Amino acid sequence: MRVAAAETIEQKEANLASKAKTLAKRPTKAEQRAEMMEQILDTAELLFSQHGFHGVTLKDVAKQVGVHHTLLNYYFDDKRTLFDAVFARRAAVTIDKRMQALDDYERAAGDNPTVEGALHAFLDTDLDLYIQGGEGWKNYGAFGAQASNSPEGAEFMDKYFDPVVLRLIAILKKALPDAAEEDIFWGYHFVTGALMLTLARTGRIDKLSHGLCRSDDYEAVKARMARFMAAGFRDICNQRRQDRES
């Protein structure tokens, strides 16, 4: 009887310890809200990347998450607020990294920055996020590509990305002191167009090249884009200068 009693006490202690452990692991309400917010943003990011701003409703997002659409109104006032939140979440990361890369490059280059060096700092830092960041970052890239081709998205691009773009432009002006300002802005326009097409992952180059190239091969893009675009910058700016002098 003593052994049975001892075993019962030990069993009770084990059960109590198990319950305490379970309670300790139970997420707090704040953690549950944060987890739900991330799930909503991930889902909205994917849907917006596929269908654009006008092709997605709050009900679509709620259905995909598996909750009633009224829950989304608890977190977001409307679709535009949700769209902004999707934009802002990863924008802060890529902007900080690119600003740092541009600052580091300009400090290292001193009075002799090059177009290619500035573009490497701007492009490679961003491409690394899509290479290393998993499917979430790839969805964000496609989301940005969709957004950049719509008035609503362009407004948010202005809001979040203008400072880092203008930082790049300032270094390009130092690298091309004789270039007309409009040529540098046109050059950036062509750069960002190529980047957005890359991030859209349309699969078109896969078909055109019969599989030789892949639209999701960001490593291949990183190895070529800055050098290719730098040559275009130099050629346009030099030609325009020669035309002015002739």
Protein backbone atom coordinates (compact mmCIF):
# COMPACT_ATOMS: atom_id res chain seq x y z
CA MET A 1 0.00 0.00 0.00
CA ARG A 2 2.87 2.38 0.77
CA VAL A 3 4.37 1.82 -2.68
CA ALA A 4 1.02 2.45 -4.36
CA ALA A 5 0.60 5.69 -2.37
CA ALA A 6 4.10 6.83 -3.29
CA GLU A 7 3.43 6.12 -6.94
CA THR A 8 0.18 8.07 -6.77
CA ILE A 9 1.92 11.11 -5.29
CA GLU A 10 4.65 10.95 -7.95
CA GLN A 11 2.02 10.64 -10.66
CA LYS A 12 0.17 13.67 -9.34
CA GLU A 13 3.38 15.67 -9.24
CA ALA A 14 4.15 14.65 -12.83
CA ASN A 15 0.64 15.66 -13.95
CA LEU A 16 0.95 19.02 -12.21
CA ALA A 17 4.35 19.60 -13.82
CA SER A 18 2.90 18.70 -17.23
CA LYS A 19 0.00 21.14 -16.77
CA ALA A 20 2.35 23.89 -15.63
CA LYS A 21 4.52 23.31 -18.68
CA THR A 22 1.48 23.46 -20.96
CA LEU A 23 0.30 26.71 -19.38
CA ALA A 24 3.78 28.20 -19.68
CA LYS A 25 3.81 27.45 -23.41
CA ARG A 26 0.33 28.85 -24.05
CA PRO A 27 0.73 32.06 -26.06
CA THR A 28 -0.42 35.32 -24.55
CA LYS A 29 -3.16 37.38 -26.18
CA ALA A 30 -0.51 39.78 -27.45
CA GLU A 31 1.40 36.90 -29.03
CA GLN A 32 -1.81 35.55 -30.57
CA ARG A 33 -2.59 38.97 -32.05
CA ALA A 34 0.93 39.29 -33.43
CA GLU A 35 0.72 35.81 -34.95
CA MET A 36 -2.66 36.60 -36.52
CA MET A 37 -1.32 39.89 -37.88
CA GLU A 38 1.60 38.11 -39.55
CA GLN A 39 -0.73 35.52 -41.05
CA ILE A 40 -3.00 38.25 -42.45
CA LEU A 41 -0.06 40.20 -43.88
CA ASP A 42 1.49 37.09 -45.45
CA THR A 43 -1.82 36.16 -47.05
CA ALA A 44 -2.58 39.68 -48.28
CA GLU A 45 0.95 39.98 -49.66
CA LEU A 46 0.50 36.83 -51.72
CA LEU A 47 -2.97 37.81 -52.99
CA PHE A 48 -1.95 41.38 -53.86
CA SER A 49 1.12 40.03 -55.67
CA GLN A 50 -1.13 37.87 -57.83
CA HIS A 51 -4.15 40.11 -58.41
CA GLY A 52 -3.11 43.67 -57.61
CA PHE A 53 -4.88 46.21 -55.40
CA HIS A 54 -8.23 46.15 -57.20
CA GLY A 55 -8.31 42.38 -57.60
CA VAL A 56 -8.39 41.62 -53.87
CA THR A 57 -11.01 42.30 -51.19
CA LEU A 58 -10.81 42.03 -47.41
CA LYS A 59 -13.21 39.09 -47.69
CA ASP A 60 -10.75 37.36 -50.02
CA VAL A 61 -7.97 37.74 -47.47
CA ALA A 62 -10.20 36.60 -44.59
CA LYS A 63 -11.34 33.53 -46.52
CA GLN A 64 -7.76 32.57 -47.32
CA VAL A 65 -6.72 33.02 -43.68
CA GLY A 66 -9.79 31.07 -42.52
CA VAL A 67 -11.46 33.73 -40.37
CA HIS A 68 -14.60 35.86 -40.62
CA HIS A 69 -14.03 39.07 -42.58
CA THR A 70 -15.13 41.21 -39.63
CA LEU A 71 -11.95 40.13 -37.83
CA LEU A 72 -9.88 41.98 -40.44
CA ASN A 73 -11.70 45.19 -39.55
CA TYR A 74 -10.39 44.74 -36.02
CA TYR A 75 -6.85 45.02 -37.39
CA PHE A 76 -7.33 47.26 -40.44
CA ASP A 77 -9.79 50.07 -41.20
CA ASP A 78 -10.02 49.20 -44.89
CA LYS A 79 -8.20 47.55 -47.78
CA ARG A 80 -5.97 50.57 -48.35
CA THR A 81 -4.73 50.39 -44.75
CA LEU A 82 -3.97 46.70 -45.22
CA PHE A 83 -2.17 47.42 -48.50
CA ASP A 84 -0.05 50.06 -46.75
CA ALA A 85 0.79 47.65 -43.93
CA VAL A 86 1.94 44.99 -46.42
CA PHE A 87 4.10 47.59 -48.14
CA ALA A 88 5.62 48.95 -44.93
CA ARG A 89 6.49 45.63 -43.27
CA ARG A 90 9.35 44.65 -45.57
CA ALA A 91 10.05 48.09 -47.04
CA ALA A 92 11.72 49.13 -43.80
CA VAL A 93 14.12 46.20 -44.06
CA THR A 94 15.20 46.69 -47.66
CA ILE A 95 15.44 50.47 -47.30
CA ASP A 96 17.68 50.23 -44.23
CA LYS A 97 19.94 47.68 -45.88
CA ARG A 98 20.26 49.64 -49.13
CA MET A 99 20.84 52.95 -47.36
CA GLN A 100 23.62 51.31 -45.36
CA ALA A 101 25.12 49.73 -48.49
CA LEU A 102 25.07 53.06 -50.35
CA ASP A 103 26.61 54.87 -47.38
CA ASP A 104 29.33 52.23 -47.07
CA TYR A 105 30.03 52.35 -50.80
CA GLU A 106 30.26 56.14 -50.97
CA ARG A 107 32.56 56.22 -47.95
CA ALA A 108 34.83 53.57 -49.49
CA ALA A 109 34.80 55.18 -52.97
CA GLY A 110 35.58 58.67 -51.67
CA ASP A 111 35.81 61.14 -54.53
CA ASN A 112 35.79 58.41 -57.18
CA PRO A 113 32.45 56.57 -57.15
CA THR A 114 31.51 54.60 -60.26
CA VAL A 115 28.14 53.94 -61.79
CA GLU A 116 28.63 50.20 -61.54
CA GLY A 117 29.72 50.39 -57.92
CA ALA A 118 26.68 52.45 -56.93
CA LEU A 119 24.33 50.11 -58.80
CA HIS A 120 25.88 47.05 -57.16
CA ALA A 121 25.26 48.59 -53.73
CA PHE A 122 21.67 49.44 -54.62
CA LEU A 123 20.68 46.31 -56.55
CA ASP A 124 22.73 43.50 -55.01
CA THR A 125 21.68 44.34 -51.47
CA ASP A 126 18.03 44.09 -52.48
CA LEU A 127 18.48 40.97 -54.58
CA ASP A 128 20.19 39.24 -51.65
CA LEU A 129 16.98 39.58 -49.65
CA TYR A 130 15.04 37.73 -52.35
CA ILE A 131 17.79 35.12 -52.69
CA GLN A 132 18.07 34.43 -48.97
CA GLY A 133 14.67 35.44 -47.59
CA GLY A 134 12.54 32.56 -48.75
CA GLU A 135 9.13 32.55 -50.38
CA GLY A 136 7.83 35.43 -48.26
CA TRP A 137 10.37 37.84 -49.72
CA LYS A 138 9.78 36.52 -53.22
CA ASN A 139 6.06 37.22 -52.75
CA TYR A 140 6.92 40.72 -51.59
CA GLY A 141 9.01 41.23 -54.72
CA ALA A 142 6.08 40.22 -56.91
CA PHE A 143 3.81 42.42 -54.79
CA GLY A 144 6.12 45.39 -55.39
CA ALA A 145 6.23 44.67 -59.11
CA GLN A 146 2.42 44.65 -59.24
CA ALA A 147 2.19 47.80 -57.14
CA SER A 148 4.73 49.77 -59.17
CA ASN A 149 2.50 49.46 -62.24
CA SER A 150 -0.62 50.92 -60.63
CA PRO A 151 -1.46 54.46 -59.46
CA GLU A 152 -2.22 53.22 -55.94
CA GLY A 153 1.01 51.29 -55.72
CA ALA A 154 3.08 54.09 -57.24
CA GLU A 155 1.88 56.37 -54.45
CA PHE A 156 3.21 53.95 -51.84
CA MET A 157 6.45 53.49 -53.80
CA ASP A 158 6.92 57.26 -53.58
CA LYS A 159 6.12 57.24 -49.88
CA TYR A 160 8.57 54.53 -48.89
CA PHE A 161 11.28 54.30 -51.52
CA ASP A 162 11.96 57.87 -52.68
CA PRO A 163 14.66 58.53 -50.04
CA VAL A 164 16.80 55.51 -51.01
CA VAL A 165 16.30 56.16 -54.75
CA LEU A 166 17.36 59.79 -54.37
CA ARG A 167 20.39 58.60 -52.36
CA LEU A 168 21.39 56.45 -55.34
CA ILE A 169 20.78 59.33 -57.75
CA ALA A 170 23.07 61.59 -55.72
CA ILE A 171 25.94 59.09 -55.99
CA LEU A 172 25.31 58.60 -59.72
CA LYS A 173 25.56 62.36 -60.21
CA LYS A 174 28.98 62.29 -58.53
CA ALA A 175 30.02 59.37 -60.75
CA LEU A 176 28.78 61.19 -63.89
CA PRO A 177 29.46 64.87 -63.16
CA ASP A 178 29.08 65.94 -66.80
CA ALA A 179 25.83 64.08 -67.41
CA ALA A 180 22.52 65.84 -67.90
CA GLU A 181 20.33 65.33 -64.86
CA GLU A 182 17.43 64.02 -66.91
CA ASP A 183 19.64 61.28 -68.37
CA ILE A 184 20.46 60.01 -64.90
CA PHE A 185 16.78 59.91 -63.98
CA TRP A 186 15.94 58.12 -67.23
CA GLY A 187 18.72 55.65 -66.49
CA TYR A 188 17.21 54.94 -63.09
CA HIS A 189 13.81 54.53 -64.75
CA PHE A 190 15.22 51.77 -66.96
CA VAL A 191 16.99 50.13 -64.01
CA THR A 192 13.87 49.96 -61.86
CA GLY A 193 11.83 48.67 -64.81
CA ALA A 194 14.21 45.76 -65.27
CA LEU A 195 14.25 45.08 -61.53
CA MET A 196 10.46 45.05 -61.27
CA LEU A 197 10.16 42.71 -64.24
CA THR A 198 12.65 40.39 -62.56
CA LEU A 199 10.79 40.45 -59.25
CA ALA A 200 7.47 39.74 -60.99
CA ARG A 201 8.71 36.22 -61.87
CA THR A 202 6.45 36.00 -64.90
CA GLY A 203 8.24 32.96 -66.35
CA ARG A 204 8.44 34.59 -69.78
CA ILE A 205 12.22 34.36 -70.08
CA ASP A 206 11.98 30.69 -69.12
CA LYS A 207 9.84 30.02 -72.20
CA LEU A 208 11.78 32.29 -74.53
CA SER A 209 15.09 30.66 -73.59
CA HIS A 210 13.62 27.12 -73.46
CA GLY A 211 14.72 26.81 -69.84
CA LEU A 212 18.22 28.24 -70.33
CA CYS A 213 17.25 31.18 -68.09
CA ARG A 214 14.78 31.25 -65.20
CA SER A 215 12.84 34.27 -64.04
CA ASP A 216 13.42 33.29 -60.41
CA ASP A 217 17.20 32.92 -60.79
CA TYR A 218 18.14 36.01 -58.83
CA GLU A 219 21.76 34.87 -58.58
CA ALA A 220 22.04 35.08 -62.38
CA VAL A 221 20.39 38.51 -62.36
CA LYS A 222 22.72 39.74 -59.63
CA ALA A 223 25.75 38.61 -61.63
CA ARG A 224 24.68 40.70 -64.65
CA MET A 225 22.28 43.53 -63.92
CA ALA A 226 24.52 46.20 -62.37
CA ARG A 227 27.18 45.79 -65.06
CA PHE A 228 24.63 45.82 -67.87
CA MET A 229 22.84 48.91 -66.57
CA ALA A 230 26.10 50.75 -65.86
CA ALA A 231 27.10 50.39 -69.51
CA GLY A 232 23.76 51.87 -70.56
CA PHE A 233 24.17 54.83 -68.19
CA ARG A 234 27.64 55.59 -69.50
CA ASP A 235 26.67 55.27 -73.15
CA ILE A 236 23.59 57.48 -72.91
CA CYS A 237 25.31 60.16 -70.85
CA ASN A 238 28.44 60.20 -73.02
CA GLN A 239 26.44 60.35 -76.24
CA ARG A 240 24.31 63.21 -74.95
CA ARG A 241 27.42 65.12 -73.89
CA GLN A 242 28.98 64.63 -77.33
CA ASP A 243 25.77 65.84 -78.98
CA ARG A 244 25.84 69.01 -76.88
CA GLU A 245 29.47 69.68 -77.69
CA SER A 246 29.13 69.12 -81.44
